Every structure is written in structure tokens, then in C-alpha cells.
């Protein structure tokens, strides 16, 4: 892969879903589909919306280790990023990624107590394409 920032960034921006994985209370990995990140800084930081009451938030509060995965089904390639998740509930974080129409998920608006932000920070990644995998570090 010539340029991880561009290749993986394009996948994150183009596709409507991302997969996020966390460790449950019994130590098992759980993977959930999420709407694509609302915001990103390169391939280091990704910002997602979710419900504060969700199981993943409860688990991330106990164990912040996580991974996110972007898949390009058309060309059967994908990128896995490993890192940590912070659960953010500050007004600044919530307002930062709030979008018109979010009241469909959070009826009380940006101050809805069941609305929070997941900030994923990557430390390393693995890219798969053309029957080859490649590990890389993220600065």
C-alpha cells in the first residue's frame, strides 16, 4: 500500500458503515456495525455517535481497547485499525459532530442524555488486498 492515509481515509469516507469491536464483560470480542465516522483526523482519530445506554459504551468504560474495520466489498479489501476509545459526553464533543436529523436517534437533541461520542484513536493497522496483508504503525 503506497499511502495508508489516502487509501484508508478514502474507505472511511466512501462507505456508509464501519465495524467497531470491543471486549465484553466476559472477555469475548463483540463486533457491531456503526454509521460511518462523523469526523476523522487522518487515520489516527475517528469520531462516532452512539447511545450512552448501549452495551458497547458500558464495555468501553471498563476496557477502552478497540478496533475499527473498513471494508471495500467490491474489490474485497479492508483495513483494520487497533487502538482505544474514549466515551465523550461533554457539550463541546456532542456539538462538534451533531448533524441535522440526529433527533431521529436522539429525540431530546444535542443535550439528550442517551447521546454520546466515541473518539477512537488508532495506534496500528493491518491492510488486506489482493491476497496480501500488511501491518503498519500510525503516527
C-alpha atoms as a PDB file:
ATOM      1  CA  UNK A   1       0.000   0.000   0.000  1.00  0.00           C
ATOM      2  CA  UNK A   2       1.601   3.224  -1.130  1.00  0.00           C
ATOM      3  CA  UNK A   3      -0.268   5.708   1.048  1.00  0.00           C
ATOM      4  CA  UNK A   4      -2.216   4.373   4.065  1.00  0.00           C
ATOM      5  CA  UNK A   5      -3.592   7.844   4.865  1.00  0.00           C
ATOM      6  CA  UNK A   6      -5.180   8.177   1.433  1.00  0.00           C
ATOM      7  CA  UNK A   7      -6.216   4.541   0.900  1.00  0.00           C
ATOM      8  CA  UNK A   8      -7.818   4.017   4.296  1.00  0.00           C
ATOM      9  CA  UNK A   9      -9.102   7.583   4.519  1.00  0.00           C
ATOM     10  CA  UNK A  10     -10.948   7.097   1.226  1.00  0.00           C
ATOM     11  CA  UNK A  11     -12.504   3.866   2.515  1.00  0.00           C
ATOM     12  CA  UNK A  12     -13.615   5.576   5.739  1.00  0.00           C
ATOM     13  CA  UNK A  13     -15.170   8.460   3.808  1.00  0.00           C
ATOM     14  CA  UNK A  14     -16.764   6.478   0.989  1.00  0.00           C
ATOM     15  CA  UNK A  15     -18.644   3.665   2.713  1.00  0.00           C
ATOM     16  CA  UNK A  16     -21.729   4.211   4.861  1.00  0.00           C
ATOM     17  CA  UNK A  17     -20.756   1.793   7.630  1.00  0.00           C
ATOM     18  CA  UNK A  18     -17.783   0.853   9.733  1.00  0.00           C
ATOM     19  CA  UNK A  19     -17.379  -2.076  12.082  1.00  0.00           C
ATOM     20  CA  UNK A  20     -16.276  -1.486  15.647  1.00  0.00           C
ATOM     21  CA  UNK A  21     -15.096  -4.204  18.030  1.00  0.00           C
ATOM     22  CA  UNK A  22     -14.831  -4.207  21.794  1.00  0.00           C
ATOM     23  CA  UNK A  23     -14.351  -6.695  24.622  1.00  0.00           C
ATOM     24  CA  UNK A  24     -17.477  -7.642  26.577  1.00  0.00           C
ATOM     25  CA  UNK A  25     -17.718  -8.223  30.325  1.00  0.00           C
ATOM     26  CA  UNK A  26     -16.831 -11.915  29.908  1.00  0.00           C
ATOM     27  CA  UNK A  27     -13.730 -11.155  27.830  1.00  0.00           C
ATOM     28  CA  UNK A  28     -15.198 -12.019  24.431  1.00  0.00           C
ATOM     29  CA  UNK A  29     -14.817  -9.780  21.386  1.00  0.00           C
ATOM     30  CA  UNK A  30     -18.016  -8.235  20.027  1.00  0.00           C
ATOM     31  CA  UNK A  31     -18.290  -6.529  16.635  1.00  0.00           C
ATOM     32  CA  UNK A  32     -21.042  -4.062  15.744  1.00  0.00           C
ATOM     33  CA  UNK A  33     -21.859  -2.135  12.603  1.00  0.00           C
ATOM     34  CA  UNK A  34     -21.819   1.640  13.042  1.00  0.00           C
ATOM     35  CA  UNK A  35     -22.674   4.547  10.816  1.00  0.00           C
ATOM     36  CA  UNK A  36     -19.502   5.851   9.215  1.00  0.00           C
ATOM     37  CA  UNK A  37     -17.380   8.219  11.307  1.00  0.00           C
ATOM     38  CA  UNK A  38     -18.730  11.741  11.555  1.00  0.00           C
ATOM     39  CA  UNK A  39     -15.278  13.179  11.589  1.00  0.00           C
ATOM     40  CA  UNK A  40     -11.712  11.971  11.297  1.00  0.00           C
ATOM     41  CA  UNK A  41      -8.206  13.321  11.590  1.00  0.00           C
ATOM     42  CA  UNK A  42      -6.159  11.363   9.077  1.00  0.00           C
ATOM     43  CA  UNK A  43      -6.356   7.717  10.067  1.00  0.00           C
ATOM     44  CA  UNK A  44      -5.390   8.440  13.674  1.00  0.00           C
ATOM     45  CA  UNK A  45      -8.703   9.735  15.121  1.00  0.00           C
ATOM     46  CA  UNK A  46     -12.274   8.819  14.252  1.00  0.00           C
ATOM     47  CA  UNK A  47     -15.409  10.270  15.866  1.00  0.00           C
ATOM     48  CA  UNK A  48     -18.671   8.293  16.015  1.00  0.00           C
ATOM     49  CA  UNK A  49     -22.108   8.911  17.544  1.00  0.00           C
ATOM     50  CA  UNK A  50     -23.812   6.290  19.696  1.00  0.00           C
ATOM     51  CA  UNK A  51     -26.263   5.732  22.512  1.00  0.00           C
ATOM     52  CA  UNK A  52     -24.920   6.260  26.017  1.00  0.00           C
ATOM     53  CA  UNK A  53     -27.102   3.349  27.145  1.00  0.00           C
ATOM     54  CA  UNK A  54     -25.525   0.916  24.652  1.00  0.00           C
ATOM     55  CA  UNK A  55     -23.619  -2.154  25.749  1.00  0.00           C
ATOM     56  CA  UNK A  56     -20.507  -1.015  23.881  1.00  0.00           C
ATOM     57  CA  UNK A  57     -20.347   2.219  25.900  1.00  0.00           C
ATOM     58  CA  UNK A  58     -20.600   0.246  29.125  1.00  0.00           C
ATOM     59  CA  UNK A  59     -17.789  -2.036  27.935  1.00  0.00           C
ATOM     60  CA  UNK A  60     -15.576   0.805  26.651  1.00  0.00           C
ATOM     61  CA  UNK A  61     -15.786   2.480  30.054  1.00  0.00           C
ATOM     62  CA  UNK A  62     -14.231  -0.677  31.564  1.00  0.00           C
ATOM     63  CA  UNK A  63     -11.836  -1.559  28.751  1.00  0.00           C
ATOM     64  CA  UNK A  64     -11.059   1.086  26.118  1.00  0.00           C
ATOM     65  CA  UNK A  65      -9.224  -1.268  23.732  1.00  0.00           C
ATOM     66  CA  UNK A  66     -10.974  -1.446  20.393  1.00  0.00           C
ATOM     67  CA  UNK A  67     -10.640  -1.917  16.681  1.00  0.00           C
ATOM     68  CA  UNK A  68     -12.464  -0.475  13.721  1.00  0.00           C
ATOM     69  CA  UNK A  69     -12.697  -2.048  10.289  1.00  0.00           C
ATOM     70  CA  UNK A  70     -13.490  -0.581   6.902  1.00  0.00           C
ATOM     71  CA  UNK A  71     -14.321  -2.913   4.032  1.00  0.00           C
ATOM     72  CA  UNK A  72     -14.448  -2.398   0.297  1.00  0.00           C
ATOM     73  CA  UNK A  73     -16.716  -5.262  -0.797  1.00  0.00           C
ATOM     74  CA  UNK A  74     -16.310  -4.501  -4.483  1.00  0.00           C
ATOM     75  CA  UNK A  75     -12.550  -5.157  -4.503  1.00  0.00           C
ATOM     76  CA  UNK A  76     -12.506  -7.472  -1.451  1.00  0.00           C
ATOM     77  CA  UNK A  77     -10.073  -5.358   0.535  1.00  0.00           C
ATOM     78  CA  UNK A  78     -10.193  -3.943   4.018  1.00  0.00           C
ATOM     79  CA  UNK A  79      -8.366  -2.129   6.765  1.00  0.00           C
ATOM     80  CA  UNK A  80      -8.362  -2.880  10.472  1.00  0.00           C
ATOM     81  CA  UNK A  81      -7.187  -0.228  12.911  1.00  0.00           C
ATOM     82  CA  UNK A  82      -6.414  -1.059  16.547  1.00  0.00           C
ATOM     83  CA  UNK A  83      -6.467   1.487  19.335  1.00  0.00           C
ATOM     84  CA  UNK A  84      -8.560   2.860  22.157  1.00  0.00           C
ATOM     85  CA  UNK A  85     -11.948   4.529  22.565  1.00  0.00           C
ATOM     86  CA  UNK A  86     -12.848   7.458  24.773  1.00  0.00           C
ATOM     87  CA  UNK A  87     -16.521   7.952  25.646  1.00  0.00           C
ATOM     88  CA  UNK A  88     -17.145  11.700  25.456  1.00  0.00           C
ATOM     89  CA  UNK A  89     -20.216  13.380  26.897  1.00  0.00           C
ATOM     90  CA  UNK A  90     -19.073  16.996  27.036  1.00  0.00           C
ATOM     91  CA  UNK A  91     -21.244  19.601  25.306  1.00  0.00           C
ATOM     92  CA  UNK A  92     -18.277  20.511  23.079  1.00  0.00           C
ATOM     93  CA  UNK A  93     -17.785  16.944  21.837  1.00  0.00           C
ATOM     94  CA  UNK A  94     -21.501  16.361  21.320  1.00  0.00           C
ATOM     95  CA  UNK A  95     -21.993  19.645  19.433  1.00  0.00           C
ATOM     96  CA  UNK A  96     -18.866  19.035  17.361  1.00  0.00           C
ATOM     97  CA  UNK A  97     -20.345  16.089  15.464  1.00  0.00           C
ATOM     98  CA  UNK A  98     -24.095  16.728  15.799  1.00  0.00           C
ATOM     99  CA  UNK A  99     -25.915  16.759  12.428  1.00  0.00           C
ATOM    100  CA  UNK A 100     -29.357  17.767  11.242  1.00  0.00           C
ATOM    101  CA  UNK A 101     -31.619  14.741  11.503  1.00  0.00           C
ATOM    102  CA  UNK A 102     -29.903  13.269  14.569  1.00  0.00           C
ATOM    103  CA  UNK A 103     -33.104  13.792  16.541  1.00  0.00           C
ATOM    104  CA  UNK A 104     -34.288  10.621  14.797  1.00  0.00           C
ATOM    105  CA  UNK A 105     -31.870   8.771  17.112  1.00  0.00           C
ATOM    106  CA  UNK A 106     -31.682  11.276  19.978  1.00  0.00           C
ATOM    107  CA  UNK A 107     -35.138  12.906  20.336  1.00  0.00           C
ATOM    108  CA  UNK A 108     -34.023  15.381  23.016  1.00  0.00           C
ATOM    109  CA  UNK A 109     -31.456  16.889  20.678  1.00  0.00           C
ATOM    110  CA  UNK A 110     -27.776  17.523  21.266  1.00  0.00           C
ATOM    111  CA  UNK A 111     -28.315  17.512  25.041  1.00  0.00           C
ATOM    112  CA  UNK A 112     -30.070  14.117  25.011  1.00  0.00           C
ATOM    113  CA  UNK A 113     -28.559  12.100  27.880  1.00  0.00           C
ATOM    114  CA  UNK A 114     -28.619   8.987  25.652  1.00  0.00           C
ATOM    115  CA  UNK A 115     -26.356  10.664  23.066  1.00  0.00           C
ATOM    116  CA  UNK A 116     -22.579  10.435  23.364  1.00  0.00           C
ATOM    117  CA  UNK A 117     -19.482  10.458  21.205  1.00  0.00           C
ATOM    118  CA  UNK A 118     -16.925   7.709  20.727  1.00  0.00           C
ATOM    119  CA  UNK A 119     -13.463   9.021  19.898  1.00  0.00           C
ATOM    120  CA  UNK A 120     -11.322   6.211  18.520  1.00  0.00           C
ATOM    121  CA  UNK A 121      -7.556   6.752  18.467  1.00  0.00           C
ATOM    122  CA  UNK A 122      -5.575   4.301  16.340  1.00  0.00           C
ATOM    123  CA  UNK A 123      -2.078   3.062  17.150  1.00  0.00           C
ATOM    124  CA  UNK A 124      -1.569   0.458  14.421  1.00  0.00           C
ATOM    125  CA  UNK A 125      -3.282  -1.102  11.452  1.00  0.00           C
ATOM    126  CA  UNK A 126      -3.460  -4.014   9.074  1.00  0.00           C
ATOM    127  CA  UNK A 127      -4.473  -3.719   5.437  1.00  0.00           C
ATOM    128  CA  UNK A 128      -5.664  -6.587   3.237  1.00  0.00           C
ATOM    129  CA  UNK A 129      -5.815  -6.524  -0.568  1.00  0.00           C
ATOM    130  CA  UNK A 130      -5.031  -8.912  -3.431  1.00  0.00           C
ATOM    131  CA  UNK A 131      -4.391 -11.916  -1.159  1.00  0.00           C
ATOM    132  CA  UNK A 132      -1.795  -9.986   0.869  1.00  0.00           C
ATOM    133  CA  UNK A 133      -1.841  -8.421   4.320  1.00  0.00           C
ATOM    134  CA  UNK A 134       0.397  -5.640   5.506  1.00  0.00           C
ATOM    135  CA  UNK A 135       0.876  -4.239   9.031  1.00  0.00           C
ATOM    136  CA  UNK A 136       1.642  -0.567   9.624  1.00  0.00           C
ATOM    137  CA  UNK A 137       2.117   1.837  12.511  1.00  0.00           C
ATOM    138  CA  UNK A 138       0.185   5.068  12.835  1.00  0.00           C
ATOM    139  CA  UNK A 139       1.878   8.310  13.889  1.00  0.00           C
END
